[in-house]
């Protein structure tokens, strides 16, 4: 009975293989025989870290990947938290790189710029006739144009963009520039929305700051959010923000983010001397609007 049950399946396998070979596909083209990687979602630290840095790195493992919204009013320390986290991840963890849409200070170290101009060049290279894909003239809600943008975004993210994004940190200084709920169909939002939906595939952490969560588009971004960080500037601690890191899940029916589990509370002091920054503080990583540290 078992043989009779398996025979049709085996015959189907043989027939499928015959058709694939008839179409000219080799085993090398059909199957991925590369060694299985234990690195994806694994933790590998860079060499030369101090004991304190290793301890700090272990406390960041739950914040290494996902889609993170950093919220708070102006002056609450959103940029301090986000820049510090991005810098620490690339310093502590092997193979991690940072892509960002603004210019940091030299203390931040190496990073890859990613902005509208750079992505526009990539779109032209891929799409040819779509040279104006990111111009203002294209910001229409026509179905055909939106579909074209989505196809180009998908091709870039799965092609040349994949190498840039995999295992990285994508830091966007203002989420609402790309995911504003009143401009949800803008071309940059289409591309970034595609990246956001594939963060697991890229083993990526996306960090974005926004004063008000309610301004963010509920379709292209909020369903994928994994962390919401709420920053508050501390009057009792000089140069310090308190960040409550909430692990969240999106609740579609109510259109809001629901907390899952206990939040992590982190204090980030921007003026405390850091040996790895030649004695400067975390404020030296970026162009801070807070001048008190100088």
Protein backbone atom coordinates (compact mmCIF):
# COMPACT_ATOMS: atom_id res chain seq x y z
CA UNK A 1 0.00 0.00 0.00
CA UNK A 2 2.84 2.41 0.85
CA UNK A 3 4.54 1.69 -2.49
CA UNK A 4 1.32 2.34 -4.35
CA UNK A 5 0.93 5.63 -2.50
CA UNK A 6 4.47 6.79 -3.25
CA UNK A 7 4.62 5.75 -6.91
CA UNK A 8 2.49 8.60 -8.31
CA UNK A 9 4.54 11.07 -6.31
CA UNK A 10 7.83 9.63 -7.59
CA UNK A 11 6.54 9.65 -11.15
CA UNK A 12 5.57 13.29 -10.73
CA UNK A 13 9.05 14.12 -9.45
CA UNK A 14 10.67 12.38 -12.43
CA UNK A 15 8.38 14.14 -14.89
CA UNK A 16 9.04 17.55 -13.30
CA UNK A 17 12.80 16.96 -13.45
CA UNK A 18 12.56 15.89 -17.09
CA UNK A 19 10.66 19.05 -18.01
CA UNK A 20 13.15 21.28 -16.16
CA UNK A 21 16.07 19.59 -17.92
CA UNK A 22 14.28 19.86 -21.24
CA UNK A 23 14.05 23.62 -20.68
CA UNK A 24 17.81 23.70 -20.28
CA UNK A 25 18.11 24.12 -16.50
CA UNK A 26 21.06 22.45 -14.75
CA UNK A 27 21.13 21.28 -11.14
CA UNK A 28 23.35 24.25 -10.30
CA UNK A 29 20.66 26.60 -11.62
CA UNK A 30 17.81 24.75 -9.93
CA UNK A 31 19.16 24.20 -6.43
CA UNK A 32 20.97 26.22 -3.79
CA UNK A 33 23.75 23.93 -2.56
CA UNK A 34 25.63 26.63 -0.67
CA UNK A 35 26.50 25.86 2.98
CA UNK A 36 23.74 26.65 5.44
CA UNK A 37 24.43 29.89 7.25
CA UNK A 38 24.18 30.12 11.01
CA UNK A 39 24.95 33.82 10.83
CA UNK A 40 21.48 35.01 9.81
CA UNK A 41 19.81 36.26 12.96
CA UNK A 42 22.90 35.13 14.85
CA UNK A 43 25.10 37.28 17.05
CA UNK A 44 28.75 37.79 16.19
CA UNK A 45 30.66 40.48 18.03
CA UNK A 46 33.57 42.43 16.63
CA UNK A 47 36.95 41.75 18.17
CA UNK A 48 38.61 44.16 20.57
CA UNK A 49 35.53 45.17 22.55
CA UNK A 50 35.90 45.90 26.24
CA UNK A 51 33.96 43.94 28.87
CA UNK A 52 31.60 46.89 29.33
CA UNK A 53 30.99 47.07 25.57
CA UNK A 54 30.28 43.34 25.37
CA UNK A 55 27.77 43.68 28.20
CA UNK A 56 26.19 46.66 26.44
CA UNK A 57 26.06 44.74 23.15
CA UNK A 58 24.18 41.87 24.79
CA UNK A 59 21.59 44.35 26.05
CA UNK A 60 20.97 45.50 22.46
CA UNK A 61 20.26 42.11 20.90
CA UNK A 62 16.49 42.63 20.98
CA UNK A 63 16.90 45.92 19.12
CA UNK A 64 19.20 44.77 16.31
CA UNK A 65 16.53 44.15 13.69
CA UNK A 66 13.00 45.21 12.89
CA UNK A 67 11.24 48.51 12.20
CA UNK A 68 11.69 51.06 14.98
CA UNK A 69 9.77 54.31 15.40
CA UNK A 70 11.45 56.81 17.74
CA UNK A 71 8.89 59.31 19.01
CA UNK A 72 8.88 62.35 21.26
CA UNK A 73 8.45 66.13 21.11
CA UNK A 74 11.22 68.41 19.80
CA UNK A 75 14.21 68.37 22.14
CA UNK A 76 13.32 65.02 23.72
CA UNK A 77 16.48 63.25 22.55
CA UNK A 78 15.17 61.27 19.57
CA UNK A 79 18.27 61.92 17.46
CA UNK A 80 20.56 61.23 20.41
CA UNK A 81 19.00 57.82 20.96
CA UNK A 82 18.83 56.90 17.25
CA UNK A 83 22.39 57.98 16.38
CA UNK A 84 23.81 56.26 19.44
CA UNK A 85 21.99 53.00 18.68
CA UNK A 86 23.06 53.00 15.02
CA UNK A 87 26.68 53.70 15.95
CA UNK A 88 26.75 51.02 18.65
CA UNK A 89 25.32 48.34 16.39
CA UNK A 90 27.96 48.88 13.72
CA UNK A 91 30.70 49.06 16.34
CA UNK A 92 29.66 46.02 18.35
CA UNK A 93 28.32 43.54 15.80
CA UNK A 94 30.26 41.94 12.97
CA UNK A 95 29.19 42.71 9.43
CA UNK A 96 26.77 45.50 10.34
CA UNK A 97 26.80 48.68 8.27
CA UNK A 98 24.78 51.89 8.51
CA UNK A 99 22.88 53.58 5.70
CA UNK A 100 21.48 57.02 6.48
CA UNK A 101 19.81 59.96 4.76
CA UNK A 102 21.76 62.76 6.46
CA UNK A 103 25.37 63.70 7.19
CA UNK A 104 26.72 62.71 10.61
CA UNK A 105 29.84 64.08 12.29
CA UNK A 106 33.17 62.42 11.50
CA UNK A 107 33.12 60.66 14.88
CA UNK A 108 30.28 58.49 13.55
CA UNK A 109 32.70 56.78 11.19
CA UNK A 110 31.95 55.00 7.92
CA UNK A 111 28.42 54.91 6.55
CA UNK A 112 26.61 54.68 3.21
CA UNK A 113 24.53 57.68 2.09
CA UNK A 114 21.04 56.81 0.90
CA UNK A 115 18.78 59.63 -0.19
CA UNK A 116 16.39 60.65 -2.94
CA UNK A 117 19.12 61.74 -5.35
CA UNK A 118 21.06 58.47 -5.03
CA UNK A 119 17.97 56.32 -5.37
CA UNK A 120 16.80 58.37 -8.34
CA UNK A 121 20.05 57.49 -10.14
CA UNK A 122 19.48 53.83 -9.36
CA UNK A 123 15.92 54.01 -10.66
CA UNK A 124 17.11 55.59 -13.91
CA UNK A 125 19.70 52.84 -14.34
CA UNK A 126 17.07 50.14 -13.83
CA UNK A 127 14.05 51.72 -15.45
CA UNK A 128 15.61 53.53 -18.39
CA UNK A 129 12.64 55.59 -19.54
CA UNK A 130 11.61 56.27 -15.98
CA UNK A 131 14.23 58.98 -15.51
CA UNK A 132 11.66 61.23 -13.89
CA UNK A 133 10.39 58.61 -11.49
CA UNK A 134 11.21 60.69 -8.45
CA UNK A 135 10.39 64.11 -9.85
CA UNK A 136 7.45 66.11 -8.59
CA UNK A 137 5.63 65.56 -11.87
CA UNK A 138 5.33 61.85 -11.14
CA UNK A 139 3.67 62.32 -7.78
CA UNK A 140 0.27 61.38 -9.07
CA UNK A 141 -2.02 58.68 -7.87
CA UNK A 142 -2.45 57.07 -11.28
CA UNK A 143 -2.61 53.31 -10.91
CA UNK A 144 -0.29 52.56 -13.81
CA UNK A 145 2.46 54.88 -12.56
CA UNK A 146 2.23 53.51 -9.03
CA UNK A 147 2.49 49.96 -10.36
CA UNK A 148 5.54 50.93 -12.41
CA UNK A 149 7.19 52.47 -9.35
CA UNK A 150 6.48 49.36 -7.28
CA UNK A 151 8.03 47.12 -9.94
CA UNK A 152 11.19 49.22 -10.10
CA UNK A 153 11.37 49.36 -6.30
CA UNK A 154 11.09 45.59 -6.12
CA UNK A 155 13.79 45.11 -8.74
CA UNK A 156 16.19 47.46 -6.94
CA UNK A 157 15.55 45.96 -3.50
CA UNK A 158 16.13 42.44 -4.79
CA UNK A 159 19.05 43.42 -6.98
CA UNK A 160 21.72 46.04 -6.33
CA UNK A 161 19.96 47.25 -3.19
CA UNK A 162 20.04 43.83 -1.55
CA UNK A 163 23.81 43.92 -0.99
CA UNK A 164 23.55 47.36 0.61
CA UNK A 165 20.63 46.50 2.87
CA UNK A 166 21.38 42.97 4.10
CA UNK A 167 22.59 42.96 7.67
CA UNK A 168 22.44 46.73 7.89
CA UNK A 169 20.92 49.60 9.81
CA UNK A 170 18.83 52.03 7.77
CA UNK A 171 18.52 55.31 9.66
CA UNK A 172 15.93 57.79 8.37
CA UNK A 173 15.92 61.11 10.21
CA UNK A 174 12.25 61.87 9.59
CA UNK A 175 9.83 59.03 8.88
CA UNK A 176 7.05 61.40 7.92
CA UNK A 177 9.08 62.66 4.95
CA UNK A 178 8.58 59.25 3.37
CA UNK A 179 5.53 57.76 5.11
CA UNK A 180 3.27 60.73 5.80
CA UNK A 181 -0.36 59.60 5.87
CA UNK A 182 -1.36 62.40 3.48
CA UNK A 183 1.35 61.54 0.93
CA UNK A 184 1.37 57.76 1.17
CA UNK A 185 1.91 57.25 -2.58
CA UNK A 186 5.07 59.35 -3.06
CA UNK A 187 7.79 57.44 -4.97
CA UNK A 188 10.34 57.39 -2.14
CA UNK A 189 7.62 56.06 0.14
CA UNK A 190 6.87 53.32 -2.39
CA UNK A 191 10.49 52.18 -2.41
CA UNK A 192 10.96 52.41 1.34
CA UNK A 193 7.62 50.73 1.90
CA UNK A 194 8.91 47.78 -0.11
CA UNK A 195 12.07 47.67 2.01
CA UNK A 196 10.07 47.92 5.24
CA UNK A 197 7.88 44.97 4.27
CA UNK A 198 11.01 42.86 3.64
CA UNK A 199 13.07 43.74 6.73
CA UNK A 200 13.21 40.09 7.84
CA UNK A 201 14.49 39.05 4.43
CA UNK A 202 17.29 41.61 4.70
CA UNK A 203 18.03 41.00 8.41
CA UNK A 204 17.66 44.77 8.66
CA UNK A 205 17.02 47.34 11.38
CA UNK A 206 15.14 50.42 10.18
CA UNK A 207 15.20 53.38 12.56
CA UNK A 208 13.04 56.41 11.92
CA UNK A 209 12.24 59.43 14.07
CA UNK A 210 8.91 61.22 14.13
CA UNK A 211 7.35 63.65 16.63
CA UNK A 212 3.83 62.29 16.17
CA UNK A 213 3.04 58.66 15.46
CA UNK A 214 -0.42 59.53 14.15
CA UNK A 215 1.10 61.27 11.11
CA UNK A 216 2.58 58.00 9.84
CA UNK A 217 0.78 56.08 7.11
CA UNK A 218 -1.25 53.19 8.51
CA UNK A 219 -0.83 51.03 5.40
CA UNK A 220 2.77 51.24 4.21
CA UNK A 221 4.52 51.47 7.60
CA UNK A 222 2.57 50.88 10.80
CA UNK A 223 1.71 47.21 10.10
CA UNK A 224 5.44 46.40 10.09
CA UNK A 225 6.54 48.32 13.19
CA UNK A 226 8.26 46.11 15.79
CA UNK A 227 9.53 48.73 18.26
CA UNK A 228 8.22 52.06 19.45
CA UNK A 229 10.72 54.15 21.41
CA UNK A 230 9.40 57.05 23.46
CA UNK A 231 12.02 59.62 24.42
CA UNK A 232 11.82 62.14 27.26
CA UNK A 233 14.51 64.69 28.08
CA UNK A 234 15.57 64.46 31.72
CA UNK A 235 15.84 67.69 33.65
CA UNK A 236 17.44 65.81 36.56
CA UNK A 237 20.30 64.35 34.47
CA UNK A 238 22.41 66.69 32.38
CA UNK A 239 22.56 65.83 28.68
CA UNK A 240 20.44 62.69 29.10
CA UNK A 241 17.35 61.25 27.45
CA UNK A 242 15.27 58.43 28.85
CA UNK A 243 14.08 56.03 26.15
CA UNK A 244 11.31 53.54 26.78
CA UNK A 245 11.65 50.79 24.17
CA UNK A 246 8.28 49.14 23.65
CA UNK A 247 7.90 45.92 21.70
CA UNK A 248 4.70 46.30 19.75
CA UNK A 249 2.31 44.61 17.39
CA UNK A 250 0.02 46.36 14.95
CA UNK A 251 -3.70 46.10 15.59
CA UNK A 252 -5.43 46.66 12.26
CA UNK A 253 -9.01 47.04 13.43
CA UNK A 254 -8.22 49.88 15.80
CA UNK A 255 -5.43 51.33 13.68
CA UNK A 256 -3.00 51.64 16.57
CA UNK A 257 0.09 49.98 18.01
CA UNK A 258 -0.41 47.70 20.97
CA UNK A 259 2.42 47.08 23.44
CA UNK A 260 3.64 43.53 23.88
CA UNK A 261 5.51 42.69 27.08
CA UNK A 262 7.45 44.97 29.39
CA UNK A 263 9.36 47.90 27.89
CA UNK A 264 13.10 48.29 28.17
CA UNK A 265 14.24 51.57 29.70
CA UNK A 266 17.55 52.98 28.49
CA UNK A 267 19.30 56.18 29.50
CA UNK A 268 21.52 57.81 26.89
CA UNK A 269 23.92 60.46 28.13
CA UNK A 270 25.21 62.61 25.29
CA UNK A 271 28.00 64.39 27.17
CA UNK A 272 29.64 61.51 29.05
CA UNK A 273 33.15 60.87 27.61
CA UNK A 274 33.33 57.66 25.58
CA UNK A 275 36.82 56.11 25.09
CA UNK A 276 35.90 54.75 21.63
CA UNK A 277 35.03 58.32 20.59
CA UNK A 278 38.36 59.70 21.75
CA UNK A 279 36.79 61.03 24.92
CA UNK A 280 33.91 62.80 23.20
CA UNK A 281 30.28 62.06 24.04
CA UNK A 282 27.51 60.67 21.88
CA UNK A 283 26.51 64.22 20.94
CA UNK A 284 29.65 64.23 18.77
CA UNK A 285 28.13 61.60 16.46
CA UNK A 286 25.78 64.05 14.74
CA UNK A 287 24.90 67.71 14.33
CA UNK A 288 22.93 68.11 17.54
CA UNK A 289 20.47 70.95 17.96
CA UNK A 290 21.24 70.80 21.67
CA UNK A 291 24.27 73.04 22.19
CA UNK A 292 24.57 72.53 25.94
CA UNK A 293 27.19 69.82 25.55
CA UNK A 294 29.70 72.16 23.86
